[in-house]
Amino acid sequence: MPNSSKRRGRSSTLVFEKWNYVLLLIGVLLITVGFTAMYIENVYKGFISLYVSPILIIGGYAEIIYALLWSPSDEDVPQDA
C-alpha cells in the first residue's frame, strides 16, 4: 500500500516568513483592540466606539490581507552559494 503522506521531491521551506507572522499578529491585535474599545465604550456611545474602533478594525483586516499577500523580493532572499 503506497504511503501518500510522504512528500517526495518537495523542499521543506515554509510558506510564510517571520515578517508575515509579525504582520498577522499586528493585524489580530488591532482587531482585538478595536472590538474591545467598542465594547467598553458601547455603554456611553462615545467618540472612540463610533469613530476610532471601526478604523482600528478595518485597519486590522487590511493588515492581515497585506500579511497574507506579502512576499519578499528577489533582493531580500539570500542566495545559496
N, C-alpha and C. Protein backbone atom coordinates (compact mmCIF):
# COMPACT_ATOMS: atom_id res chain seq x y z
N MET A 1 0.84 -1.18 0.00
CA MET A 1 0.00 0.00 0.00
C MET A 1 0.89 1.24 0.00
N PRO A 2 0.74 2.13 -0.98
CA PRO A 2 1.61 3.31 -1.05
C PRO A 2 1.29 4.30 0.05
N ASN A 3 2.34 4.92 0.52
CA ASN A 3 2.20 5.92 1.57
C ASN A 3 2.12 7.29 0.91
N SER A 4 0.94 7.85 0.80
CA SER A 4 0.76 9.11 0.10
C SER A 4 1.04 10.33 0.97
N SER A 5 1.29 10.10 2.27
CA SER A 5 1.52 11.24 3.15
C SER A 5 2.95 11.76 3.06
N LYS A 6 3.87 10.99 2.49
CA LYS A 6 5.25 11.44 2.36
C LYS A 6 5.37 12.41 1.20
N ARG A 7 6.18 13.41 1.41
CA ARG A 7 6.41 14.40 0.36
C ARG A 7 7.67 14.00 -0.39
N ARG A 8 7.52 13.76 -1.65
CA ARG A 8 8.67 13.38 -2.45
C ARG A 8 9.02 14.50 -3.40
N GLY A 9 10.28 14.88 -3.38
CA GLY A 9 10.76 15.89 -4.31
C GLY A 9 10.38 17.31 -3.96
N ARG A 10 9.80 17.53 -2.80
CA ARG A 10 9.43 18.89 -2.40
C ARG A 10 10.43 19.41 -1.39
N SER A 11 10.68 20.69 -1.46
CA SER A 11 11.57 21.30 -0.47
C SER A 11 10.78 21.56 0.82
N SER A 12 11.50 21.65 1.90
CA SER A 12 10.85 21.85 3.20
C SER A 12 10.85 23.31 3.60
N THR A 13 10.56 24.20 2.68
CA THR A 13 10.50 25.62 3.01
C THR A 13 9.13 25.97 3.55
N LEU A 14 9.11 26.97 4.40
CA LEU A 14 7.85 27.42 4.97
C LEU A 14 7.12 28.32 3.98
N VAL A 15 5.82 28.35 4.09
CA VAL A 15 5.02 29.18 3.21
C VAL A 15 5.23 30.66 3.55
N PHE A 16 5.21 30.98 4.84
CA PHE A 16 5.38 32.35 5.28
C PHE A 16 6.73 32.51 5.95
N GLU A 17 7.19 33.74 5.99
CA GLU A 17 8.41 34.06 6.72
C GLU A 17 8.04 34.67 8.06
N LYS A 18 9.07 34.99 8.83
CA LYS A 18 8.84 35.57 10.16
C LYS A 18 8.09 36.89 10.06
N TRP A 19 8.41 37.70 9.05
CA TRP A 19 7.77 39.00 8.90
C TRP A 19 6.27 38.85 8.63
N ASN A 20 5.86 37.82 7.90
CA ASN A 20 4.45 37.59 7.66
C ASN A 20 3.71 37.32 8.97
N TYR A 21 4.32 36.53 9.84
CA TYR A 21 3.68 36.23 11.11
C TYR A 21 3.62 37.45 12.02
N VAL A 22 4.62 38.31 11.96
CA VAL A 22 4.60 39.55 12.73
C VAL A 22 3.45 40.44 12.25
N LEU A 23 3.30 40.56 10.94
CA LEU A 23 2.21 41.37 10.39
C LEU A 23 0.85 40.78 10.74
N LEU A 24 0.73 39.46 10.70
CA LEU A 24 -0.53 38.82 11.10
C LEU A 24 -0.85 39.10 12.56
N LEU A 25 0.15 39.03 13.42
CA LEU A 25 -0.05 39.30 14.84
C LEU A 25 -0.48 40.74 15.07
N ILE A 26 0.13 41.67 14.35
CA ILE A 26 -0.25 43.08 14.48
C ILE A 26 -1.71 43.28 14.04
N GLY A 27 -2.11 42.63 12.96
CA GLY A 27 -3.49 42.73 12.49
C GLY A 27 -4.48 42.18 13.49
N VAL A 28 -4.16 41.03 14.08
CA VAL A 28 -5.06 40.44 15.08
C VAL A 28 -5.14 41.33 16.31
N LEU A 29 -4.01 41.91 16.71
CA LEU A 29 -4.03 42.82 17.87
C LEU A 29 -4.86 44.08 17.59
N LEU A 30 -4.76 44.62 16.38
CA LEU A 30 -5.58 45.79 16.03
C LEU A 30 -7.07 45.46 16.08
N ILE A 31 -7.44 44.30 15.57
CA ILE A 31 -8.85 43.90 15.59
C ILE A 31 -9.32 43.69 17.02
N THR A 32 -8.49 43.05 17.84
CA THR A 32 -8.86 42.81 19.24
C THR A 32 -9.01 44.12 20.01
N VAL A 33 -8.08 45.04 19.82
CA VAL A 33 -8.17 46.34 20.50
C VAL A 33 -9.39 47.11 20.01
N GLY A 34 -9.69 47.05 18.73
CA GLY A 34 -10.86 47.75 18.19
C GLY A 34 -12.16 47.23 18.76
N PHE A 35 -12.32 45.91 18.78
CA PHE A 35 -13.56 45.35 19.33
C PHE A 35 -13.66 45.56 20.84
N THR A 36 -12.52 45.50 21.53
CA THR A 36 -12.54 45.75 22.98
C THR A 36 -12.92 47.19 23.29
N ALA A 37 -12.36 48.12 22.55
CA ALA A 37 -12.70 49.53 22.76
C ALA A 37 -14.16 49.79 22.41
N MET A 38 -14.65 49.13 21.39
CA MET A 38 -16.06 49.30 21.02
C MET A 38 -16.97 48.74 22.10
N TYR A 39 -16.57 47.62 22.69
CA TYR A 39 -17.39 47.03 23.74
C TYR A 39 -17.38 47.89 25.00
N ILE A 40 -16.23 48.41 25.37
CA ILE A 40 -16.12 49.22 26.58
C ILE A 40 -16.87 50.54 26.42
N GLU A 41 -16.75 51.17 25.29
CA GLU A 41 -17.38 52.46 25.05
C GLU A 41 -18.83 52.34 24.59
N ASN A 42 -19.33 51.15 24.39
CA ASN A 42 -20.68 50.96 23.86
C ASN A 42 -21.75 51.53 24.78
N VAL A 43 -21.51 51.52 26.06
CA VAL A 43 -22.49 52.00 27.02
C VAL A 43 -22.69 53.50 26.87
N TYR A 44 -21.63 54.23 26.62
CA TYR A 44 -21.71 55.69 26.60
C TYR A 44 -21.86 56.28 25.21
N LYS A 45 -21.74 55.48 24.17
CA LYS A 45 -21.82 55.94 22.77
C LYS A 45 -20.84 57.08 22.54
N GLY A 46 -19.61 56.85 22.93
CA GLY A 46 -18.60 57.89 22.85
C GLY A 46 -17.91 57.96 21.50
N PHE A 47 -16.94 58.85 21.45
CA PHE A 47 -16.18 59.09 20.23
C PHE A 47 -15.38 57.87 19.81
N ILE A 48 -14.82 57.17 20.79
CA ILE A 48 -13.97 56.02 20.47
C ILE A 48 -14.77 54.89 19.83
N SER A 49 -15.94 54.59 20.38
CA SER A 49 -16.72 53.47 19.83
C SER A 49 -17.33 53.81 18.48
N LEU A 50 -17.55 55.07 18.19
CA LEU A 50 -18.18 55.44 16.92
C LEU A 50 -17.19 55.70 15.80
N TYR A 51 -15.99 56.17 16.13
CA TYR A 51 -15.06 56.59 15.08
C TYR A 51 -13.72 55.85 15.11
N VAL A 52 -13.14 55.68 16.27
CA VAL A 52 -11.81 55.10 16.35
C VAL A 52 -11.85 53.58 16.20
N SER A 53 -12.78 52.92 16.86
CA SER A 53 -12.85 51.46 16.81
C SER A 53 -13.08 50.90 15.40
N PRO A 54 -14.00 51.44 14.61
CA PRO A 54 -14.15 50.91 13.25
C PRO A 54 -12.89 51.10 12.39
N ILE A 55 -12.17 52.20 12.61
CA ILE A 55 -10.93 52.41 11.87
C ILE A 55 -9.88 51.38 12.27
N LEU A 56 -9.79 51.08 13.56
CA LEU A 56 -8.85 50.07 14.04
C LEU A 56 -9.20 48.69 13.48
N ILE A 57 -10.48 48.36 13.45
CA ILE A 57 -10.90 47.05 12.96
C ILE A 57 -10.63 46.91 11.47
N ILE A 58 -10.98 47.91 10.68
CA ILE A 58 -10.72 47.86 9.24
C ILE A 58 -9.22 47.84 8.98
N GLY A 59 -8.45 48.61 9.76
CA GLY A 59 -7.00 48.58 9.62
C GLY A 59 -6.42 47.22 9.95
N GLY A 60 -6.99 46.55 10.95
CA GLY A 60 -6.53 45.20 11.30
C GLY A 60 -6.78 44.21 10.19
N TYR A 61 -7.97 44.27 9.59
CA TYR A 61 -8.27 43.36 8.48
C TYR A 61 -7.39 43.67 7.26
N ALA A 62 -7.13 44.94 7.02
CA ALA A 62 -6.24 45.31 5.91
C ALA A 62 -4.82 44.81 6.18
N GLU A 63 -4.38 44.88 7.41
CA GLU A 63 -3.05 44.38 7.78
C GLU A 63 -2.95 42.87 7.57
N ILE A 64 -3.99 42.15 7.91
CA ILE A 64 -3.98 40.70 7.71
C ILE A 64 -3.95 40.36 6.23
N ILE A 65 -4.71 41.06 5.42
CA ILE A 65 -4.69 40.81 3.98
C ILE A 65 -3.31 41.12 3.41
N TYR A 66 -2.70 42.20 3.86
CA TYR A 66 -1.36 42.55 3.41
C TYR A 66 -0.35 41.49 3.83
N ALA A 67 -0.49 40.97 5.06
CA ALA A 67 0.44 39.94 5.55
C ALA A 67 0.30 38.65 4.75
N LEU A 68 -0.90 38.33 4.32
CA LEU A 68 -1.09 37.11 3.54
C LEU A 68 -0.57 37.25 2.12
N LEU A 69 -0.60 38.45 1.58
CA LEU A 69 -0.18 38.65 0.19
C LEU A 69 1.28 39.06 0.06
N TRP A 70 1.93 39.48 1.14
CA TRP A 70 3.30 39.96 1.07
C TRP A 70 4.27 38.81 0.83
N SER A 71 5.18 39.00 -0.09
CA SER A 71 6.26 38.04 -0.29
C SER A 71 7.54 38.84 -0.50
N PRO A 72 8.67 38.29 -0.09
CA PRO A 72 9.93 39.04 -0.20
C PRO A 72 10.34 39.20 -1.65
N SER A 73 11.03 40.28 -1.92
CA SER A 73 11.53 40.49 -3.28
C SER A 73 12.77 39.63 -3.48
N ASP A 74 13.25 39.57 -4.70
CA ASP A 74 14.41 38.74 -5.01
C ASP A 74 15.67 39.23 -4.32
N GLU A 75 15.76 40.54 -4.05
CA GLU A 75 16.93 41.08 -3.37
C GLU A 75 16.96 40.68 -1.90
N ASP A 76 15.80 40.46 -1.28
CA ASP A 76 15.73 40.13 0.13
C ASP A 76 16.05 38.67 0.41
N VAL A 77 15.85 37.80 -0.56
CA VAL A 77 16.05 36.37 -0.37
C VAL A 77 17.53 36.04 -0.46
N PRO A 78 18.12 35.43 0.56
CA PRO A 78 19.54 35.07 0.49
C PRO A 78 19.76 33.94 -0.51
N GLN A 79 20.80 34.07 -1.30
CA GLN A 79 21.12 33.08 -2.32
C GLN A 79 22.08 32.04 -1.73
N ASP A 80 21.81 30.77 -1.96
CA ASP A 80 22.71 29.71 -1.55
C ASP A 80 23.85 29.60 -2.54
N ALA A 81 25.08 29.73 -2.06
CA ALA A 81 26.23 29.70 -2.97
C ALA A 81 26.80 28.33 -3.15
